Amino acid sequence: MVPSSAPPYRVVVIDFLKDDLSPERQVLGNLAEIVALNAQSVEELPGQIEEADALMMYHYLEMQQKTLSLLTKCRLIVRCGVGYDNVDIQAAKELNIPVANIPDYGTEEVADAAIGLSLDLLRKISFLNRHLQRSRDDWHYQVALPIRRLRGLKCGVVGCGRIGTAFAVRAKALGLEVQFYDPDLPDGYDKAIGVDRCDTLEELLESSDLVSLHCPLTETTREMINSETIALMKSGSHLVNTARGSIVDHRAVLKALESGKLAGAALDVLEEEPPRNDDPILEAWRDPNHPAHYRLILNPHSAFYSLESLHDMRTKGAENIRRVLTDLPARNVINGVQSI
């Protein structure tokens, strides 16, 4: 009996996944051997990725020039997600390695999560729940006053791409007066989705009762929300971040919650994930005597997740790799390198 030949290509999933890779195998079939490293640091990668024809990576590890230069024949790196700030796309370009993301896998999930967090803040749902958990003496809605009617409140969206647009449409349906700031969008986009446009971030912050962030992390947006920009916001306004943790200076958020400048904040993402136990934002959030205990919602970078979205992410990533390995052009390339 003649043994079956080995798959011609090797695909390495460097982090996050540690199951049987069934979604990836269904797409790639006998075209490629697929290996999941579940690496906890980039120091584990040397000796395991050099011969990869394609890489899949999530958000746990950073791929910089030193690690990328190990790749000897990689034809595509798929960043399984929307954001790609954890891969040096310029270094990959210099090495002639295309990098692609998956911009459409979890649009609904993140938009739904941002809406849920917004409703929680505006209607004081978690705020009241925590007070009741601590003391039955607070068994009254008055502890959470003021609570405003949603209709007529101004909702500011920073970044109106796929997810920001989906969020804006949902917020509009709830009766919020939606406006957005996004310098990269052409004139007329506001008319297409029926919301208002702000010419500057300052204009949006000054006039919004709730601000939801949906922009990528770049050198321009890093710590875009800081003590100076929060000072522009309305007293008693709210902040939601389901984009990238480093867009927000969390120290400034804590100070704003302490002073009452922010009535509430909901953060699905942090600069360091998971955060250290002694991170000031965690300590304040866990302290019943700190205003953040009641006014801050933290989630563990979960807005993207559903059974369906994770399956979409995995299959879309594998499908893009299949395209390249069968000599078709890659989709959603973000560093301008043509697949080879």
Protein backbone atom coordinates (compact mmCIF):
# COMPACT_ATOMS: atom_id res chain seq x y z
CA MET A 1 0.00 0.00 0.00
CA VAL A 2 1.47 3.31 -1.10
CA PRO A 3 1.35 5.93 1.69
CA SER A 4 -0.46 9.15 0.89
CA SER A 5 1.82 12.06 0.09
CA ALA A 6 2.27 14.79 2.65
CA PRO A 7 0.37 18.07 2.13
CA PRO A 8 2.45 20.40 -0.05
CA TYR A 9 2.18 23.44 2.24
CA ARG A 10 2.51 24.29 5.93
CA VAL A 11 0.22 26.75 7.73
CA VAL A 12 1.02 27.82 11.29
CA VAL A 13 -1.46 29.38 13.71
CA ILE A 14 0.82 31.09 16.20
CA ASP A 15 -1.54 32.01 19.07
CA PHE A 16 -5.03 31.85 20.60
CA LEU A 17 -6.23 28.55 19.11
CA LYS A 18 -5.53 25.21 20.73
CA ASP A 19 -8.32 22.96 19.45
CA ASP A 20 -8.43 20.49 16.55
CA LEU A 21 -8.51 23.29 13.93
CA SER A 22 -11.56 21.75 12.30
CA PRO A 23 -12.75 24.99 10.57
CA GLU A 24 -9.32 25.56 9.03
CA ARG A 25 -8.97 21.94 7.97
CA GLN A 26 -12.36 21.98 6.27
CA VAL A 27 -11.24 24.89 4.12
CA LEU A 28 -7.67 23.83 3.39
CA GLY A 29 -8.25 20.09 3.15
CA ASN A 30 -5.19 18.23 1.90
CA LEU A 31 -3.60 21.41 0.61
CA ALA A 32 -1.73 22.18 3.82
CA GLU A 33 -0.54 20.78 7.10
CA ILE A 34 -1.96 23.05 9.83
CA VAL A 35 -0.22 23.48 13.17
CA ALA A 36 -1.47 25.46 16.18
CA LEU A 37 1.36 26.62 18.45
CA ASN A 38 -0.75 28.39 21.08
CA ALA A 39 2.39 30.39 21.85
CA GLN A 40 2.35 32.63 24.91
CA SER A 41 5.28 34.78 23.75
CA VAL A 42 7.24 35.46 20.57
CA GLU A 43 10.26 33.80 22.19
CA GLU A 44 8.52 30.46 21.55
CA LEU A 45 8.32 31.00 17.79
CA PRO A 46 11.93 30.48 16.58
CA GLY A 47 12.33 26.95 15.24
CA GLN A 48 8.59 26.61 14.56
CA ILE A 49 7.67 29.19 11.93
CA GLU A 50 10.63 29.40 9.56
CA GLU A 51 9.19 26.95 7.01
CA ALA A 52 5.61 28.23 7.15
CA ASP A 53 3.99 29.01 3.81
CA ALA A 54 1.36 31.07 5.63
CA LEU A 55 0.74 32.32 9.16
CA MET A 56 -2.49 32.99 11.03
CA MET A 57 -2.22 35.24 14.08
CA TYR A 58 -4.63 36.70 16.58
CA HIS A 59 -4.14 39.52 19.08
CA TYR A 60 -2.05 37.92 21.83
CA LEU A 61 1.43 38.29 20.29
CA GLU A 62 3.26 41.08 18.51
CA MET A 63 5.09 40.30 15.29
CA GLN A 64 7.96 42.73 14.81
CA GLN A 65 10.84 42.80 12.33
CA LYS A 66 13.05 40.40 14.28
CA THR A 67 10.42 37.66 14.29
CA LEU A 68 9.14 38.36 10.79
CA SER A 69 12.66 38.00 9.41
CA LEU A 70 12.63 34.34 10.48
CA LEU A 71 10.11 33.57 7.75
CA THR A 72 11.88 32.14 4.73
CA LYS A 73 8.99 31.45 2.35
CA CYS A 74 5.84 32.90 3.87
CA ARG A 75 3.32 33.92 1.20
CA LEU A 76 0.71 35.48 3.51
CA ILE A 77 0.19 36.53 7.12
CA VAL A 78 -3.46 36.69 8.11
CA ARG A 79 -4.20 38.86 11.12
CA CYS A 80 -7.39 37.17 12.28
CA GLY A 81 -9.34 40.25 13.26
CA VAL A 82 -9.96 43.82 12.19
CA GLY A 83 -7.13 45.64 13.95
CA TYR A 84 -3.54 44.97 12.97
CA ASP A 85 -1.52 47.12 15.34
CA ASN A 86 0.28 44.04 16.71
CA VAL A 87 2.06 43.30 13.44
CA ASP A 88 4.73 45.53 11.91
CA ILE A 89 3.21 45.86 8.46
CA GLN A 90 6.08 48.04 7.21
CA ALA A 91 8.65 45.43 8.18
CA ALA A 92 6.53 42.77 6.48
CA LYS A 93 6.39 44.96 3.38
CA GLU A 94 10.16 45.28 3.31
CA LEU A 95 10.35 41.48 3.51
CA ASN A 96 7.80 41.25 0.66
CA ILE A 97 5.27 39.40 2.83
CA PRO A 98 1.62 40.38 2.33
CA VAL A 99 -0.39 40.99 5.50
CA ALA A 100 -4.18 40.75 5.39
CA ASN A 101 -6.85 41.29 8.01
CA ILE A 102 -10.47 40.12 8.26
CA PRO A 103 -12.44 43.37 8.34
CA ASP A 104 -15.96 41.95 8.20
CA TYR A 105 -16.06 38.96 10.53
CA GLY A 106 -17.55 40.49 13.71
CA THR A 107 -19.20 43.71 12.63
CA GLU A 108 -22.57 42.84 14.13
CA GLU A 109 -21.12 41.51 17.37
CA VAL A 110 -19.00 44.56 18.17
CA ALA A 111 -21.77 46.97 17.20
CA ASP A 112 -24.25 45.04 19.35
CA ALA A 113 -21.83 44.96 22.28
CA ALA A 114 -21.20 48.70 22.01
CA ILE A 115 -24.94 49.35 21.96
CA GLY A 116 -25.41 47.07 24.96
CA LEU A 117 -22.70 48.87 26.91
CA SER A 118 -24.17 52.24 25.92
CA LEU A 119 -27.64 51.26 27.11
CA ASP A 120 -26.16 49.91 30.34
CA LEU A 121 -24.43 53.22 31.04
CA LEU A 122 -27.27 55.50 30.02
CA ARG A 123 -29.97 53.53 31.83
CA LYS A 124 -27.66 52.90 34.86
CA ILE A 125 -28.33 49.14 34.78
CA SER A 126 -25.04 47.88 36.24
CA PHE A 127 -24.83 50.94 38.48
CA LEU A 128 -28.10 50.03 40.20
CA ASN A 129 -27.28 46.33 40.28
CA ARG A 130 -24.01 46.94 42.13
CA HIS A 131 -25.64 49.25 44.66
CA LEU A 132 -28.30 46.66 45.38
CA GLN A 133 -25.68 43.95 45.79
CA ARG A 134 -23.91 46.04 48.39
CA SER A 135 -26.88 47.21 50.44
CA ARG A 136 -30.64 46.77 50.50
CA ASP A 137 -30.78 50.30 51.88
CA ASP A 138 -30.27 51.50 48.32
CA TRP A 139 -33.35 49.66 47.00
CA HIS A 140 -34.53 52.66 45.04
CA TYR A 141 -33.84 54.15 41.63
CA GLN A 142 -33.03 57.53 43.14
CA VAL A 143 -29.49 56.41 43.97
CA ALA A 144 -28.74 56.49 40.22
CA LEU A 145 -30.18 59.89 39.38
CA PRO A 146 -30.06 61.57 36.96
CA ILE A 147 -31.30 59.09 34.36
CA ARG A 148 -32.13 60.64 30.98
CA ARG A 149 -34.50 59.56 28.24
CA LEU A 150 -32.53 58.08 25.32
CA ARG A 151 -34.44 59.90 22.62
CA GLY A 152 -32.80 63.22 21.98
CA LEU A 153 -29.45 62.47 23.61
CA LYS A 154 -26.48 63.07 21.34
CA CYS A 155 -24.35 60.06 20.51
CA GLY A 156 -20.90 60.67 19.03
CA VAL A 157 -19.22 57.94 16.96
CA VAL A 158 -15.46 58.22 16.44
CA GLY A 159 -14.61 56.22 13.33
CA CYS A 160 -17.46 55.32 11.00
CA GLY A 161 -16.16 52.28 9.15
CA ARG A 162 -18.05 48.99 9.05
CA ILE A 163 -18.47 48.66 12.81
CA GLY A 164 -18.94 52.37 13.49
CA THR A 165 -21.63 52.52 10.82
CA ALA A 166 -23.40 49.46 12.21
CA PHE A 167 -23.32 51.05 15.67
CA ALA A 168 -24.59 54.39 14.32
CA VAL A 169 -27.55 52.73 12.60
CA ARG A 170 -28.47 50.89 15.80
CA ALA A 171 -28.13 54.02 17.93
CA LYS A 172 -30.26 55.98 15.49
CA ALA A 173 -33.00 53.33 15.73
CA LEU A 174 -33.06 53.84 19.51
CA GLY A 175 -33.80 57.53 19.07
CA LEU A 176 -30.34 58.88 19.81
CA GLU A 177 -29.20 61.86 17.75
CA VAL A 178 -26.14 60.37 16.07
CA GLN A 179 -23.12 62.26 14.82
CA PHE A 180 -19.71 61.01 13.77
CA TYR A 181 -16.15 62.12 13.24
CA ASP A 182 -14.06 60.34 10.62
CA PRO A 183 -11.63 62.38 8.50
CA ASP A 184 -11.05 59.44 6.14
CA LEU A 185 -14.61 59.23 4.85
CA PRO A 186 -15.69 61.15 1.71
CA ASP A 187 -18.22 63.94 1.71
CA GLY A 188 -21.78 62.70 1.57
CA TYR A 189 -21.35 59.64 3.76
CA ASP A 190 -23.37 61.36 6.46
CA LYS A 191 -26.24 61.77 4.01
CA ALA A 192 -26.02 58.14 2.93
CA ILE A 193 -26.65 56.81 6.46
CA GLY A 194 -28.72 59.75 7.70
CA VAL A 195 -26.58 61.03 10.55
CA ASP A 196 -24.69 64.26 11.21
CA ARG A 197 -21.01 64.80 10.59
CA CYS A 198 -18.56 66.69 12.81
CA ASP A 199 -15.59 68.36 11.16
CA THR A 200 -13.35 67.90 14.20
CA LEU A 201 -12.99 65.52 17.12
CA GLU A 202 -13.29 68.51 19.44
CA GLU A 203 -16.68 69.41 17.99
CA LEU A 204 -17.94 65.86 18.54
CA LEU A 205 -16.64 65.59 22.11
CA GLU A 206 -18.05 68.95 23.17
CA SER A 207 -21.57 68.16 22.00
CA SER A 208 -22.03 64.42 22.75
CA ASP A 209 -23.75 62.87 25.76
CA LEU A 210 -22.19 59.52 24.87
CA VAL A 211 -19.03 58.85 22.83
CA SER A 212 -18.36 55.43 21.29
CA LEU A 213 -14.94 54.66 19.79
CA HIS A 214 -14.65 52.62 16.59
CA CYS A 215 -11.37 53.77 15.06
CA PRO A 216 -8.14 51.82 14.45
CA LEU A 217 -5.09 52.28 16.64
CA THR A 218 -2.57 54.47 14.83
CA GLU A 219 0.02 56.99 15.91
CA THR A 220 -2.70 59.62 15.45
CA THR A 221 -5.31 57.85 17.57
CA ARG A 222 -3.00 56.53 20.33
CA GLU A 223 -4.28 58.01 23.63
CA MET A 224 -6.57 60.23 21.60
CA ILE A 225 -8.91 60.18 24.59
CA ASN A 226 -6.82 61.76 27.35
CA SER A 227 -7.13 64.34 30.10
CA GLU A 228 -7.22 67.21 27.60
CA THR A 229 -9.85 65.71 25.30
CA ILE A 230 -11.96 64.43 28.19
CA ALA A 231 -11.96 68.00 29.52
CA LEU A 232 -13.81 68.98 26.34
CA MET A 233 -16.62 66.51 26.99
CA LYS A 234 -19.87 67.40 28.67
CA SER A 235 -19.94 66.99 32.43
CA GLY A 236 -21.84 63.78 33.15
CA SER A 237 -21.21 62.27 29.72
CA HIS A 238 -20.32 58.65 28.96
CA LEU A 239 -17.53 56.86 27.12
CA VAL A 240 -17.56 53.44 25.40
CA ASN A 241 -14.49 51.77 23.87
CA THR A 242 -14.75 48.54 21.90
CA ALA A 243 -11.90 49.45 19.52
CA ARG A 244 -8.35 49.33 20.93
CA GLY A 245 -7.27 49.87 24.51
CA SER A 246 -4.41 52.24 23.73
CA ILE A 247 -6.77 54.75 22.13
CA VAL A 248 -7.75 55.71 25.68
CA ASP A 249 -5.57 56.96 28.53
CA HIS A 250 -7.14 54.96 31.34
CA ARG A 251 -5.57 57.11 34.04
CA ALA A 252 -7.46 60.07 32.65
CA VAL A 253 -10.68 58.04 32.63
CA LEU A 254 -10.26 57.17 36.31
CA LYS A 255 -9.71 60.81 37.22
CA ALA A 256 -12.77 61.80 35.20
CA LEU A 257 -14.90 59.20 36.96
CA GLU A 258 -13.62 60.39 40.34
CA SER A 259 -14.46 64.01 39.57
CA GLY A 260 -17.82 63.25 37.97
CA LYS A 261 -16.74 64.66 34.63
CA LEU A 262 -17.63 61.23 33.25
CA ALA A 263 -20.81 59.72 34.62
CA GLY A 264 -19.76 56.34 33.31
CA ALA A 265 -17.34 54.46 31.10
CA ALA A 266 -17.43 51.02 29.50
CA LEU A 267 -14.17 49.51 28.26
CA ASP A 268 -14.08 46.23 26.42
CA VAL A 269 -10.38 46.70 25.66
CA LEU A 270 -7.34 47.75 27.69
CA GLU A 271 -3.79 48.63 26.76
CA GLU A 272 -2.48 45.47 28.42
CA GLU A 273 -4.59 42.32 28.15
CA PRO A 274 -5.03 40.74 30.53
CA PRO A 275 -4.15 43.63 32.86
CA ARG A 276 -1.86 43.14 35.84
CA ASN A 277 -3.63 42.63 39.16
CA ASP A 278 -2.07 45.84 40.45
CA ASP A 279 -3.23 47.88 37.46
CA PRO A 280 -4.83 51.03 38.94
CA ILE A 281 -7.91 50.67 36.78
CA LEU A 282 -8.54 47.15 38.11
CA GLU A 283 -7.91 48.20 41.69
CA ALA A 284 -10.35 51.11 41.41
CA TRP A 285 -12.98 49.00 39.64
CA ARG A 286 -12.85 46.37 42.38
CA ASP A 287 -12.91 48.88 45.25
CA PRO A 288 -16.49 49.48 46.53
CA ASN A 289 -15.35 52.84 47.90
CA HIS A 290 -14.11 54.10 44.54
CA PRO A 291 -16.54 55.76 42.10
CA ALA A 292 -15.27 53.46 39.35
CA HIS A 293 -16.74 50.47 41.17
CA TYR A 294 -20.21 51.66 40.18
CA ARG A 295 -19.52 53.77 37.11
CA LEU A 296 -17.00 51.65 35.19
CA ILE A 297 -17.79 48.51 33.18
CA LEU A 298 -14.87 46.31 32.15
CA ASN A 299 -15.07 43.38 29.72
CA PRO A 300 -12.21 41.05 28.68
CA HIS A 301 -11.96 42.00 24.98
CA SER A 302 -15.12 40.03 24.31
CA ALA A 303 -17.14 42.34 22.05
CA PHE A 304 -15.96 40.54 18.91
CA TYR A 305 -17.04 37.11 20.10
CA SER A 306 -19.94 34.90 19.19
CA LEU A 307 -19.91 31.28 18.06
CA GLU A 308 -20.72 32.52 14.59
CA SER A 309 -18.19 35.35 14.45
CA LEU A 310 -15.31 33.15 15.59
CA HIS A 311 -16.23 30.57 12.97
CA ASP A 312 -16.40 33.33 10.33
CA MET A 313 -13.00 34.64 11.38
CA ARG A 314 -11.37 31.25 11.16
CA THR A 315 -12.90 30.20 7.87
CA LYS A 316 -12.35 33.58 6.20
CA GLY A 317 -8.72 33.53 7.26
CA ALA A 318 -8.25 30.00 5.94
CA GLU A 319 -10.04 30.85 2.70
CA ASN A 320 -7.66 33.74 2.10
CA ILE A 321 -4.70 31.45 2.64
CA ARG A 322 -6.21 28.92 0.24
CA ARG A 323 -6.49 31.63 -2.38
CA VAL A 324 -2.81 32.47 -2.12
CA LEU A 325 -1.64 28.86 -2.04
CA THR A 326 -3.63 28.20 -5.21
CA ASP A 327 -2.10 31.26 -6.92
CA LEU A 328 -5.06 33.62 -6.54
CA PRO A 329 -4.59 37.17 -5.19
CA ALA A 330 -5.10 37.66 -1.46
CA ARG A 331 -8.05 39.68 -0.21
CA ASN A 332 -7.91 42.58 2.27
CA VAL A 333 -4.16 43.12 2.03
CA ILE A 334 -3.23 46.03 4.31
CA ASN A 335 0.45 46.61 3.56
CA GLY A 336 0.33 46.92 -0.22
CA VAL A 337 2.29 43.74 -1.03
CA GLN A 338 0.90 41.58 -3.80
CA SER A 339 0.59 37.93 -2.90
CA ILE A 340 3.12 35.71 -4.64
